């Protein structure tokens, strides 16, 4: 599959970079629309998206380069070529979370309200990013003889994750519009995406870092599901016991 989307002169522009940019634009458009209901002005929403983008890209790239350092040692310019692919989602999630937490504190917005809002755009942007992975030929699946020759004879894990992300996006957005208890939209994401990621990791065919029989991404997924369960229990609204 051709990784190049188009050329500007002799310079190729890759599908991966185009789809990542499209995902960011789609997430921004969604949050801008949802922000009107949440009471966030457009400038504040734009700042949130910019901070998430910068923190996420730095975190995702640092995690990828660190885990593949022998391939990048001495090739300093290649380290910043994210248009060639090479981002670790969980690294990006950590980077974005740190940057956004600082922004929420400086803006004096309650953290749970802030997290519930911003998390609704994440699976939408991520869905486009996984399409970019598919067109770029990275994050590919194991060989499969299930009539998938038209997909290179491999499990299309990138496209499977795209479908899952779009479903999660719909669920989170519906929950947010229904004004569920603060923090519950964020908890729902922690319980859904990491579960999907844990299962799909069994179908990945690209080189994976493993420990204890599971991929590192699977251990991270288990940790996030556990965190989601804990936060859901702590933040769940309790009915007050009526006084006698």
Protein backbone atom coordinates (compact mmCIF):
# COMPACT_ATOMS: atom_id res chain seq x y z
CA UNK A 1 0.00 0.00 0.00
CA UNK A 2 1.34 3.44 -0.96
CA UNK A 3 2.24 5.42 2.16
CA UNK A 4 2.35 8.70 0.24
CA UNK A 5 -0.84 10.76 0.02
CA UNK A 6 0.46 13.42 -2.38
CA UNK A 7 3.56 15.39 -3.27
CA UNK A 8 4.42 19.03 -2.83
CA UNK A 9 7.03 19.39 -5.52
CA UNK A 10 9.40 16.49 -4.83
CA UNK A 11 8.47 16.30 -1.15
CA UNK A 12 6.11 13.45 -0.21
CA UNK A 13 3.28 14.04 2.24
CA UNK A 14 2.42 10.79 3.98
CA UNK A 15 -1.02 9.44 4.76
CA UNK A 16 -0.06 9.03 8.40
CA UNK A 17 0.56 12.72 8.93
CA UNK A 18 -2.56 13.66 6.97
CA UNK A 19 -4.79 11.35 9.03
CA UNK A 20 -3.29 12.46 12.36
CA UNK A 21 -3.97 16.07 11.40
CA UNK A 22 -7.50 15.14 10.30
CA UNK A 23 -8.11 13.42 13.64
CA UNK A 24 -6.98 16.49 15.55
CA UNK A 25 -9.25 18.71 13.44
CA UNK A 26 -12.22 16.38 13.98
CA UNK A 27 -11.66 16.27 17.75
CA UNK A 28 -11.36 20.07 17.86
CA UNK A 29 -14.61 20.53 15.89
CA UNK A 30 -16.41 18.10 18.20
CA UNK A 31 -15.15 19.80 21.37
CA UNK A 32 -15.94 23.26 20.07
CA UNK A 33 -19.54 22.19 19.44
CA UNK A 34 -19.84 20.38 22.77
CA UNK A 35 -18.20 23.29 24.57
CA UNK A 36 -21.22 25.47 23.95
CA UNK A 37 -23.28 23.10 26.09
CA UNK A 38 -20.55 22.82 28.72
CA UNK A 39 -20.13 26.58 29.09
CA UNK A 40 -16.56 26.69 27.71
CA UNK A 41 -15.85 29.50 25.24
CA UNK A 42 -14.21 28.70 21.92
CA UNK A 43 -10.85 30.19 22.83
CA UNK A 44 -10.65 28.05 25.97
CA UNK A 45 -11.53 24.94 23.97
CA UNK A 46 -8.94 25.79 21.32
CA UNK A 47 -6.32 26.17 24.05
CA UNK A 48 -7.28 22.77 25.46
CA UNK A 49 -6.90 21.10 22.07
CA UNK A 50 -3.57 22.80 21.38
CA UNK A 51 -2.18 21.77 24.78
CA UNK A 52 -3.45 18.20 24.34
CA UNK A 53 -1.92 18.04 20.86
CA UNK A 54 1.50 19.28 21.93
CA UNK A 55 1.64 17.21 25.11
CA UNK A 56 0.33 14.15 23.32
CA UNK A 57 2.70 14.34 20.37
CA UNK A 58 5.73 14.88 22.59
CA UNK A 59 4.76 12.05 24.93
CA UNK A 60 3.90 9.66 22.10
CA UNK A 61 7.10 10.34 20.20
CA UNK A 62 9.34 10.17 23.27
CA UNK A 63 7.84 6.81 24.23
CA UNK A 64 8.30 5.42 20.72
CA UNK A 65 11.87 6.63 20.29
CA UNK A 66 12.81 5.39 23.77
CA UNK A 67 11.44 1.92 23.03
CA UNK A 68 13.21 1.80 19.63
CA UNK A 69 16.36 3.71 20.50
CA UNK A 70 18.82 1.55 18.47
CA UNK A 71 16.95 2.58 15.31
CA UNK A 72 17.30 6.29 16.10
CA UNK A 73 20.77 6.58 17.66
CA UNK A 74 22.72 9.09 15.60
CA UNK A 75 19.74 9.97 13.38
CA UNK A 76 18.67 13.08 15.23
CA UNK A 77 16.51 14.58 12.48
CA UNK A 78 14.58 11.34 12.09
CA UNK A 79 13.50 11.56 15.74
CA UNK A 80 11.18 14.48 14.98
CA UNK A 81 9.78 13.03 11.71
CA UNK A 82 6.40 11.99 13.12
CA UNK A 83 5.00 12.09 9.60
CA UNK A 84 6.93 8.83 9.02
CA UNK A 85 4.94 7.16 11.78
CA UNK A 86 6.15 6.04 15.16
CA UNK A 87 3.90 7.19 18.00
CA UNK A 88 3.02 5.24 21.14
CA UNK A 89 -0.57 5.95 22.10
CA UNK A 90 -0.17 5.39 25.82
CA UNK A 91 2.91 7.63 25.85
CA UNK A 92 0.83 10.32 24.17
CA UNK A 93 -1.98 9.81 26.67
CA UNK A 94 0.41 10.35 29.57
CA UNK A 95 1.96 13.42 27.96
CA UNK A 96 -1.42 14.97 27.18
CA UNK A 97 -2.79 14.15 30.65
CA UNK A 98 0.12 15.89 32.37
CA UNK A 99 -0.15 18.98 30.18
CA UNK A 100 -3.95 19.18 30.51
CA UNK A 101 -3.88 18.67 34.28
CA UNK A 102 -1.58 21.68 34.58
CA UNK A 103 -3.90 23.69 32.33
CA UNK A 104 -6.96 22.73 34.39
CA UNK A 105 -5.19 23.77 37.60
CA UNK A 106 -4.12 27.13 36.15
CA UNK A 107 -7.62 27.76 34.76
CA UNK A 108 -9.16 26.72 38.11
CA UNK A 109 -11.60 24.34 36.41
CA UNK A 110 -12.70 21.32 38.52
CA UNK A 111 -10.58 18.40 37.32
CA UNK A 112 -13.44 15.93 36.87
CA UNK A 113 -15.48 18.41 34.84
CA UNK A 114 -12.43 19.18 32.71
CA UNK A 115 -11.53 15.49 32.18
CA UNK A 116 -15.10 14.47 31.29
CA UNK A 117 -15.19 17.14 28.61
CA UNK A 118 -11.82 16.63 26.95
CA UNK A 119 -11.96 12.81 26.99
CA UNK A 120 -14.98 12.76 24.66
CA UNK A 121 -12.81 13.97 21.76
CA UNK A 122 -9.96 11.51 22.30
CA UNK A 123 -11.47 8.36 20.71
CA UNK A 124 -12.63 10.37 17.67
CA UNK A 125 -9.14 11.69 16.98
CA UNK A 126 -7.64 8.30 17.77
CA UNK A 127 -9.90 6.61 15.22
CA UNK A 128 -8.44 8.71 12.40
CA UNK A 129 -4.94 8.07 13.70
CA UNK A 130 -5.46 4.31 13.44
CA UNK A 131 -6.58 4.66 9.84
CA UNK A 132 -3.29 6.48 9.31
CA UNK A 133 -1.49 3.51 10.89
CA UNK A 134 -3.22 1.18 8.45
CA UNK A 135 -2.25 3.24 5.41
CA UNK A 136 1.27 3.68 6.76
CA UNK A 137 1.70 -0.06 7.29
CA UNK A 138 2.60 0.21 10.98
CA UNK A 139 0.93 -1.36 14.04
CA UNK A 140 -0.07 -4.27 11.80
CA UNK A 141 -1.66 -7.56 12.79
CA UNK A 142 -0.52 -11.15 12.72
CA UNK A 143 -0.81 -13.25 9.58
CA UNK A 144 -4.31 -14.58 9.08
CA UNK A 145 -5.78 -17.10 6.67
CA UNK A 146 -9.37 -15.97 7.19
CA UNK A 147 -9.95 -14.62 3.69
CA UNK A 148 -8.20 -11.31 4.40
CA UNK A 149 -5.82 -11.41 1.45
CA UNK A 150 -7.17 -8.04 0.29
CA UNK A 151 -5.83 -6.65 3.57
CA UNK A 152 -2.42 -8.15 3.10
CA UNK A 153 -3.34 -11.44 4.70
CA UNK A 154 -3.14 -9.95 8.20
CA UNK A 155 -5.61 -9.13 10.93
CA UNK A 156 -6.65 -5.50 10.30
CA UNK A 157 -6.14 -4.52 13.92
CA UNK A 158 -5.79 -0.84 13.00
CA UNK A 159 -9.23 -0.77 11.39
CA UNK A 160 -10.73 -2.90 14.16
CA UNK A 161 -9.48 -0.36 16.67
CA UNK A 162 -10.89 2.46 14.53
CA UNK A 163 -14.37 0.92 14.72
CA UNK A 164 -14.04 0.40 18.48
CA UNK A 165 -12.93 4.00 18.98
CA UNK A 166 -15.88 5.36 17.01
CA UNK A 167 -18.24 3.29 19.16
CA UNK A 168 -16.58 4.55 22.35
CA UNK A 169 -16.81 8.11 21.03
CA UNK A 170 -20.56 7.72 20.58
CA UNK A 171 -21.01 6.27 24.08
CA UNK A 172 -18.94 8.97 25.81
CA UNK A 173 -20.66 11.79 23.94
CA UNK A 174 -24.10 10.43 24.83
CA UNK A 175 -23.10 10.09 28.48
CA UNK A 176 -21.77 13.63 28.56
CA UNK A 177 -24.92 15.06 27.00
CA UNK A 178 -27.00 13.22 29.59
CA UNK A 179 -25.05 15.02 32.34
CA UNK A 180 -23.98 11.94 34.26
CA UNK A 181 -22.18 12.35 37.60
CA UNK A 182 -18.85 14.22 37.38
CA UNK A 183 -15.97 11.94 36.48
CA UNK A 184 -18.11 9.10 35.13
CA UNK A 185 -17.41 9.88 31.44
CA UNK A 186 -13.68 9.73 32.16
CA UNK A 187 -14.18 6.47 34.07
CA UNK A 188 -16.14 5.00 31.15
CA UNK A 189 -13.20 5.65 28.84
CA UNK A 190 -10.78 3.98 31.25
CA UNK A 191 -12.99 0.90 31.34
CA UNK A 192 -13.62 0.63 27.59
CA UNK A 193 -10.63 1.57 25.45
CA UNK A 194 -7.98 -0.23 27.54
CA UNK A 195 -10.15 -3.37 27.44
CA UNK A 196 -10.32 -3.19 23.64
CA UNK A 197 -6.59 -2.54 23.44
CA UNK A 198 -5.79 -5.48 25.73
CA UNK A 199 -7.70 -7.89 23.48
CA UNK A 200 -6.39 -6.53 20.17
CA UNK A 201 -2.79 -6.76 21.37
CA UNK A 202 -3.10 -10.55 21.02
CA UNK A 203 -3.58 -10.00 17.26
CA UNK A 204 -0.66 -7.61 16.76
CA UNK A 205 2.12 -8.83 14.48
CA UNK A 206 4.62 -5.98 14.68
CA UNK A 207 7.55 -6.19 17.13
CA UNK A 208 6.21 -5.75 20.67
CA UNK A 209 7.97 -5.27 23.98
CA UNK A 210 6.79 -8.01 26.34
CA UNK A 211 7.14 -8.81 30.00
CA UNK A 212 5.71 -11.69 31.97
CA UNK A 213 3.92 -13.16 28.97
CA UNK A 214 2.04 -9.96 28.09
CA UNK A 215 2.90 -6.94 26.00
CA UNK A 216 3.78 -3.75 27.88
CA UNK A 217 0.67 -2.15 26.35
CA UNK A 218 -1.43 -4.92 27.89
CA UNK A 219 0.02 -4.30 31.34
CA UNK A 220 -0.72 -0.62 30.87
CA UNK A 221 -4.27 -1.48 29.81
CA UNK A 222 -4.80 -3.59 32.92
CA UNK A 223 -3.51 -0.76 35.11
CA UNK A 224 -5.88 1.75 33.48
CA UNK A 225 -8.88 -0.57 33.84
CA UNK A 226 -8.02 -1.02 37.53
CA UNK A 227 -7.71 2.76 37.89
CA UNK A 228 -11.06 3.23 36.18
CA UNK A 229 -12.72 0.74 38.50
CA UNK A 230 -11.22 2.41 41.56
CA UNK A 231 -12.22 5.93 40.46
CA UNK A 232 -15.71 4.71 39.54
CA UNK A 233 -16.14 3.31 43.04
CA UNK A 234 -14.77 6.46 44.73
CA UNK A 235 -16.69 8.94 42.58
CA UNK A 236 -19.97 7.04 42.31
CA UNK A 237 -22.81 9.09 43.82
CA UNK A 238 -24.04 7.56 47.06
CA UNK A 239 -27.60 7.73 48.22
CA UNK A 240 -27.89 9.33 51.59
CA UNK A 241 -29.36 7.14 54.28
CA UNK A 242 -32.60 8.78 55.42
CA UNK A 243 -32.51 9.98 58.99
CA UNK A 244 -34.79 8.24 61.43
